[in-house]
Protein backbone atom coordinates (compact mmCIF):
# COMPACT_ATOMS: atom_id res chain seq x y z
CA MET A 1 0.00 0.00 0.00
CA LEU A 2 1.43 3.36 -1.03
CA ARG A 3 0.54 6.28 1.24
CA VAL A 4 0.13 9.42 -0.83
CA VAL A 5 0.36 13.13 -0.05
CA ILE A 6 -1.02 15.33 -2.82
CA ALA A 7 0.57 18.77 -3.15
CA GLY A 8 -1.89 21.12 -4.84
CA CYS A 9 -5.64 21.31 -4.34
CA GLY A 10 -6.81 22.50 -7.73
CA PHE A 11 -8.49 20.83 -10.70
CA MET A 12 -5.77 18.22 -11.19
CA GLY A 13 -5.33 17.63 -7.48
CA ARG A 14 -9.00 16.68 -7.25
CA MET A 15 -8.70 14.38 -10.25
CA HIS A 16 -5.79 12.58 -8.64
CA ALA A 17 -7.52 12.41 -5.25
CA ASN A 18 -10.55 10.79 -6.88
CA VAL A 19 -8.32 8.19 -8.55
CA TYR A 20 -6.36 7.33 -5.40
CA SER A 21 -9.67 6.86 -3.60
CA LEU A 22 -10.47 4.11 -6.11
CA LEU A 23 -7.12 2.31 -6.09
CA ASP A 24 -6.75 -0.73 -3.84
CA ARG A 25 -2.98 -0.31 -3.48
CA ALA A 26 -2.93 3.40 -2.61
CA GLN A 27 -4.12 5.44 0.35
CA LEU A 28 -4.53 9.20 0.55
CA VAL A 29 -3.00 10.48 3.78
CA GLY A 30 -2.83 14.25 3.28
CA PHE A 31 -2.95 17.35 1.13
CA VAL A 32 -0.61 20.31 0.84
CA GLU A 33 -2.16 23.66 -0.06
CA SER A 34 -1.11 27.16 0.97
CA SER A 35 -4.58 28.60 0.29
CA ASN A 36 -7.92 27.79 1.94
CA GLY A 37 -8.73 25.27 -0.77
CA GLY A 38 -6.99 22.53 1.16
CA GLN A 39 -9.69 22.52 3.83
CA ALA A 40 -12.38 21.71 1.26
CA PHE A 41 -10.32 18.77 0.05
CA ALA A 42 -9.75 17.63 3.63
CA LYS A 43 -13.49 17.62 4.24
CA ASP A 44 -14.31 15.89 0.95
CA PHE A 45 -11.70 13.13 1.26
CA GLY A 46 -11.41 12.75 5.02
CA VAL A 47 -7.66 13.35 5.35
CA PRO A 48 -5.84 16.39 6.76
CA ALA A 49 -4.55 19.37 4.80
CA PHE A 50 -1.28 21.13 5.62
CA GLY A 51 0.14 24.52 4.72
CA SER A 52 3.53 23.22 3.56
CA LEU A 53 5.13 20.02 2.32
CA ASN A 54 7.53 19.99 5.24
CA GLU A 55 4.62 20.16 7.68
CA ALA A 56 2.81 17.33 5.92
CA LEU A 57 5.84 15.04 5.81
CA LYS A 58 6.43 15.54 9.52
CA ALA A 59 2.80 14.96 10.49
CA VAL A 60 1.83 11.86 8.46
CA GLU A 61 3.58 8.69 7.35
CA SER A 62 3.87 8.73 3.57
CA ASP A 63 5.58 7.03 0.65
CA VAL A 64 4.69 9.29 -2.28
CA VAL A 65 4.36 12.99 -3.00
CA ASP A 66 2.02 13.64 -5.93
CA ILE A 67 2.71 17.13 -7.28
CA CYS A 68 -0.30 18.90 -8.82
CA LEU A 69 1.11 22.41 -8.49
CA PRO A 70 1.89 25.13 -11.03
CA THR A 71 4.73 24.15 -13.35
CA ASP A 72 7.19 26.63 -11.87
CA LEU A 73 6.99 24.70 -8.56
CA HIS A 74 7.63 21.22 -9.97
CA HIS A 75 11.41 21.45 -9.63
CA GLU A 76 11.37 22.73 -6.05
CA PHE A 77 8.83 20.22 -4.76
CA THR A 78 10.39 17.24 -6.54
CA LEU A 79 13.78 17.99 -5.02
CA ALA A 80 12.22 18.40 -1.57
CA ALA A 81 10.29 15.13 -1.88
CA ALA A 82 13.35 13.24 -3.09
CA ASP A 83 15.42 14.68 -0.26
CA ALA A 84 12.80 13.31 2.15
CA GLY A 85 13.06 9.87 0.54
CA LYS A 86 9.62 9.97 -1.11
CA HIS A 87 8.67 8.66 -4.53
CA VAL A 88 7.36 11.38 -6.84
CA PHE A 89 4.50 11.55 -9.28
CA CYS A 90 4.53 14.99 -10.90
CA GLU A 91 2.07 16.52 -13.33
CA LYS A 92 3.28 17.44 -16.80
CA PRO A 93 5.25 19.21 -18.04
CA ILE A 94 8.18 18.00 -15.98
CA ALA A 95 9.53 21.57 -15.59
CA LEU A 96 9.93 24.90 -17.33
CA ARG A 97 13.60 24.35 -18.21
CA VAL A 98 15.55 21.32 -19.39
CA GLU A 99 18.19 22.04 -16.75
CA ASP A 100 15.55 21.77 -14.02
CA ALA A 101 14.27 18.51 -15.48
CA ASP A 102 17.78 17.09 -15.43
CA GLU A 103 18.18 18.07 -11.76
CA MET A 104 14.87 16.44 -10.88
CA ILE A 105 15.85 13.18 -12.56
CA LEU A 106 19.29 13.12 -10.95
CA ALA A 107 17.91 13.99 -7.50
CA CYS A 108 15.46 11.09 -7.60
CA GLN A 109 18.13 8.71 -8.85
CA ALA A 110 20.50 9.79 -6.07
CA ALA A 111 17.79 9.35 -3.43
CA LYS A 112 16.81 5.95 -4.90
CA VAL A 113 13.18 7.01 -5.31
CA ARG A 114 10.97 6.71 -8.37
CA LEU A 115 9.91 9.64 -10.55
CA MET A 116 7.09 9.62 -13.08
CA ILE A 117 5.61 12.54 -14.99
CA GLY A 118 1.89 12.66 -15.76
CA HIS A 119 1.77 12.49 -19.55
CA CYS A 120 -1.74 11.09 -19.34
CA ILE A 121 -2.44 10.92 -23.08
CA ARG A 122 -0.10 7.93 -23.37
CA PHE A 123 -2.59 6.19 -21.06
CA TRP A 124 -5.82 7.61 -22.49
CA PRO A 125 -7.81 4.61 -23.80
CA GLU A 126 -8.26 5.83 -27.38
CA TYR A 127 -4.66 6.93 -27.72
CA ALA A 128 -3.37 3.74 -26.07
CA LEU A 129 -5.37 1.67 -28.59
CA LEU A 130 -3.98 3.76 -31.44
CA LYS A 131 -0.43 3.01 -30.23
CA LYS A 132 -1.29 -0.71 -30.04
CA ILE A 133 -2.68 -0.70 -33.59
CA LYS A 134 0.49 1.00 -34.81
CA ASP A 135 2.86 -1.34 -32.94
CA GLU A 136 1.04 -4.52 -33.97
CA GLY A 137 0.80 -3.47 -37.62
CA ARG A 138 -2.90 -4.25 -37.84
CA LEU A 139 -3.46 -1.53 -40.46
CA GLY A 140 0.02 -1.68 -41.92
CA ARG A 141 2.55 1.08 -41.51
CA LEU A 142 1.48 4.41 -40.00
CA LYS A 143 2.07 7.04 -42.69
CA SER A 144 0.82 10.25 -41.08
CA ILE A 145 -1.11 11.63 -38.15
CA ASN A 146 -2.91 14.85 -37.27
CA LEU A 147 -3.15 15.66 -33.56
CA THR A 148 -5.41 18.49 -32.37
CA ARG A 149 -6.03 19.97 -28.92
CA TYR A 150 -7.74 23.30 -28.28
CA GLY A 151 -10.28 25.14 -26.16
CA GLU A 152 -11.01 28.34 -24.31
CA PHE A 153 -8.38 29.74 -21.97
CA PRO A 154 -8.40 27.77 -18.67
CA SER A 155 -9.37 30.68 -16.44
CA TRP A 156 -9.97 28.51 -13.38
CA SER A 157 -6.29 28.24 -12.35
CA HIS A 158 -5.40 29.59 -8.89
CA GLU A 159 -4.30 33.24 -9.11
CA ASN A 160 -4.44 32.79 -12.91
CA TRP A 161 -1.03 31.09 -12.92
CA LEU A 162 -1.74 29.52 -16.31
CA GLY A 163 -1.98 33.03 -17.76
CA ASP A 164 1.57 33.84 -16.64
CA GLU A 165 4.05 32.53 -19.20
CA LYS A 166 6.85 32.59 -16.62
CA ARG A 167 4.88 30.10 -14.52
CA SER A 168 3.14 27.91 -17.11
CA GLY A 169 5.09 28.31 -20.33
CA GLY A 170 1.90 29.28 -22.16
CA ALA A 171 -0.47 27.05 -24.11
CA ALA A 172 2.32 25.42 -26.11
CA LEU A 173 4.05 24.06 -23.01
CA ASP A 174 1.04 23.39 -20.82
CA MET A 175 -1.47 22.07 -23.37
CA HIS A 176 0.16 21.31 -26.73
CA ILE A 177 2.90 19.24 -25.05
CA HIS A 178 0.36 16.40 -24.76
CA ASP A 179 0.39 15.94 -28.53
CA THR A 180 4.12 16.50 -28.95
CA ASP A 181 4.74 13.85 -26.32
CA PHE A 182 2.39 11.43 -28.05
CA ALA A 183 3.98 12.00 -31.46
CA LEU A 184 7.39 11.19 -29.96
CA TYR A 185 5.86 8.12 -28.29
CA LEU A 186 4.64 6.89 -31.69
CA PHE A 187 7.65 7.69 -33.84
CA GLY A 188 10.72 8.48 -31.74
CA GLN A 189 12.94 11.48 -32.35
CA PRO A 190 11.96 13.63 -35.37
CA ASP A 191 14.34 14.36 -38.22
CA GLU A 192 12.77 17.78 -38.74
CA VAL A 193 10.47 20.08 -36.78
CA VAL A 194 8.82 23.20 -38.24
CA SER A 195 6.68 25.38 -35.98
CA PHE A 196 4.56 28.51 -36.38
CA GLY A 197 2.41 30.17 -33.76
CA THR A 198 0.67 33.23 -32.44
CA ASP A 199 1.26 35.07 -29.17
CA ASP A 200 -1.83 35.95 -27.12
CA GLY A 201 0.03 37.96 -24.46
CA ARG A 202 0.36 34.85 -22.28
CA GLY A 203 3.01 33.18 -24.42
CA ILE A 204 2.32 31.12 -27.52
CA GLY A 205 -1.45 30.81 -27.45
CA GLN A 206 -1.83 28.72 -30.61
CA ILE A 207 0.87 26.60 -32.24
CA PHE A 208 1.12 24.65 -35.48
CA THR A 209 3.93 22.13 -35.80
CA THR A 210 4.87 19.63 -38.48
CA MET A 211 7.33 16.88 -37.60
CA ARG A 212 9.04 14.57 -40.08
CA PHE A 213 10.23 11.12 -39.06
CA GLY A 214 11.86 9.80 -42.22
CA ASP A 215 8.92 9.60 -44.64
CA GLN A 216 6.32 9.67 -41.84
CA VAL A 217 4.66 12.95 -40.89
CA ALA A 218 2.89 14.28 -37.81
CA HIS A 219 1.03 17.58 -37.87
CA LEU A 220 0.02 19.08 -34.53
CA GLU A 221 -2.23 22.01 -33.70
CA GLY A 222 -3.00 23.21 -30.20
CA GLY A 223 -3.87 26.21 -28.10
CA TRP A 224 -6.21 28.00 -25.76
CA ASN A 225 -6.71 31.44 -27.32
CA LEU A 226 -10.33 30.78 -28.28
CA PRO A 227 -13.39 32.64 -26.95
CA LYS A 228 -15.20 31.66 -23.76
CA LYS A 229 -17.77 28.91 -24.25
CA THR A 230 -15.54 27.19 -26.85
CA ALA A 231 -15.79 23.50 -26.13
CA PHE A 232 -12.56 21.67 -25.40
CA LYS A 233 -11.54 19.31 -28.17
CA MET A 234 -8.88 16.66 -28.51
CA ALA A 235 -8.72 14.74 -31.76
CA PHE A 236 -6.53 12.62 -33.99
CA ARG A 237 -6.56 11.20 -37.51
CA ALA A 238 -3.99 8.47 -38.10
CA ILE A 239 -3.62 7.31 -41.70
CA PHE A 240 -2.13 3.86 -42.20
CA GLU A 241 -1.31 1.86 -45.34
CA LYS A 242 -4.53 -0.15 -45.01
CA GLY A 243 -6.90 2.14 -43.16
CA VAL A 244 -7.43 4.97 -40.72
CA ALA A 245 -8.00 5.34 -36.99
CA MET A 246 -9.65 8.59 -36.02
CA MET A 247 -11.33 10.43 -33.19
CA ASP A 248 -12.75 13.80 -34.15
CA GLY A 249 -15.86 15.15 -32.45
CA GLY A 250 -17.15 11.68 -31.69
CA PRO A 251 -16.07 8.21 -30.62
CA MET A 252 -12.91 6.62 -31.96
CA THR A 253 -13.51 4.90 -35.30
CA ILE A 254 -11.30 2.38 -37.08
CA ILE A 255 -11.83 2.01 -40.82
CA GLU A 256 -9.93 -0.85 -42.44
CA GLN A 257 -10.00 -1.47 -46.18
CA GLY A 258 -12.70 -3.99 -47.05
CA ILE A 259 -14.09 -4.19 -43.50
CA GLU A 260 -17.03 -2.42 -41.88
CA PRO A 261 -15.97 0.55 -39.67
CA GLU A 262 -15.43 -0.35 -36.02
CA THR A 263 -16.22 1.84 -33.00
CA PRO A 264 -14.35 0.42 -30.00
CA LYS A 265 -16.03 0.54 -26.60
CA PHE A 266 -14.14 1.86 -23.59
CA ALA A 267 -14.94 1.81 -19.89
CA HIS A 268 -15.67 5.33 -18.62
CA MET A 269 -15.35 6.57 -15.07
CA SER A 270 -17.01 9.95 -14.64
CA VAL A 271 -16.45 12.32 -11.76
CA GLN A 272 -17.97 15.65 -10.87
CA GLY A 273 -15.66 18.66 -10.92
CA ASP A 274 -14.65 21.84 -12.70
CA GLY A 275 -12.49 21.81 -15.79
CA ASN A 276 -12.72 20.57 -19.34
CA ILE A 277 -12.49 16.80 -18.83
CA SER A 278 -14.96 14.77 -16.78
CA ASP A 279 -13.61 11.31 -17.50
CA LEU A 280 -11.12 9.66 -15.14
CA GLY A 281 -10.10 7.02 -17.69
CA GLY A 282 -6.58 8.15 -18.60
CA TYR A 283 -5.82 9.48 -15.12
CA PHE A 284 -6.95 6.22 -13.54
CA VAL A 285 -4.80 4.03 -15.81
CA GLU A 286 -1.82 6.35 -15.41
CA LEU A 287 -1.85 6.44 -11.60
CA ASP A 288 -2.68 2.74 -11.34
CA HIS A 289 0.41 2.10 -13.50
CA PHE A 290 2.52 4.33 -11.26
CA VAL A 291 1.36 2.68 -8.03
CA ASP A 292 1.79 -0.86 -9.32
CA ARG A 293 5.24 -0.23 -10.80
CA VAL A 294 6.51 1.38 -7.58
CA ILE A 295 5.13 -1.36 -5.31
CA ASP A 296 6.31 -4.17 -7.59
CA ASN A 297 9.64 -2.43 -8.32
CA LYS A 298 9.13 -2.62 -12.08
CA PRO A 299 10.18 -0.06 -14.72
CA PHE A 300 7.86 2.61 -16.11
CA GLU A 301 7.71 1.23 -19.64
CA ILE A 302 5.14 3.73 -20.98
CA SER A 303 6.25 7.12 -19.63
CA THR A 304 9.77 7.60 -18.27
CA PRO A 305 11.43 10.68 -16.74
CA GLU A 306 13.77 10.71 -19.72
CA SER A 307 10.94 10.70 -22.27
CA SER A 308 9.27 13.52 -20.33
CA ARG A 309 12.49 15.50 -20.37
CA ASN A 310 12.75 14.90 -24.13
CA SER A 311 9.19 16.11 -24.70
CA LEU A 312 9.97 19.28 -22.74
CA ALA A 313 13.08 19.93 -24.82
CA THR A 314 11.14 19.38 -28.06
CA VAL A 315 8.32 21.77 -27.13
CA LEU A 316 10.77 24.43 -25.97
CA GLY A 317 12.34 24.14 -29.42
CA GLU A 318 8.91 24.55 -31.02
CA ILE A 319 8.25 27.66 -28.94
CA ALA A 320 11.63 29.15 -29.84
CA GLN A 321 10.96 28.55 -33.54
CA ALA A 322 7.49 30.05 -33.39
CA LYS A 323 8.72 33.15 -31.56
CA SER A 324 11.66 33.62 -33.93
CA ARG A 325 9.27 33.76 -36.90
CA MET A 326 7.36 36.64 -35.31
CA SER A 327 10.29 39.04 -35.27
């Protein structure tokens, strides 16, 4: 049984708390939140809230610190957790700078604790099935993919930290990184990356990137500079030699040459809460994977600290390209 302290009582903190409440091998033992929000979580989940990580680690026995804080705090809290001998699950992106990511990885290695970054799309049922189809060659070779992720600006963040590029990295780093990470998961390291974008005063608010992997192509679009009431959308269209797998405004559909289209069924676990996603599916699989791999002392074969560091470096390169084209 892993005893978990969650640092951060916002949208993602609640998602993670809901998941841990459902896992047989994990137990929530506390929250860390400097604002009054921690008390609401304490009441809802029946465990205490503390004003600092140090206070929490002194007051309750724990094995894991789950970091659901603004991105600019990931580095600081990961190092503190590792120094205390705690395993770390940290929300994506791993950090704002590659140098900070490297320090986080080295600190956890030195402390002999595990580190995993929450790139949940690798675990999202539709995306996980797409990866399986690609790896097994069911539709032949994957030739190209479009990955899309957009919506209105996430105005619910505490003190509007997502609107501060110095804290969040803007839409490209906070939101679009999901699709960059998944493209790298499918294909490996790109041979060429070309990025364009627009700045909405909070960093790159919309980004368009094309990646070439030999003769395979991934085109990614993502951002949050759309008007209020714009529905969140995540979509893909993967074109293979013998068919297509797509999810665009509806359920995932697989269309193979000469065969009737298939709409796979997935188990859904809904939860009440603010934000743009109400399905626990990917978060549940991701945290279940983390808990099991830590308890059983097995490697993280889907999302590693090194792959998360690589995704950060790739997106930072995209942002630099997009900004350089504006001058």
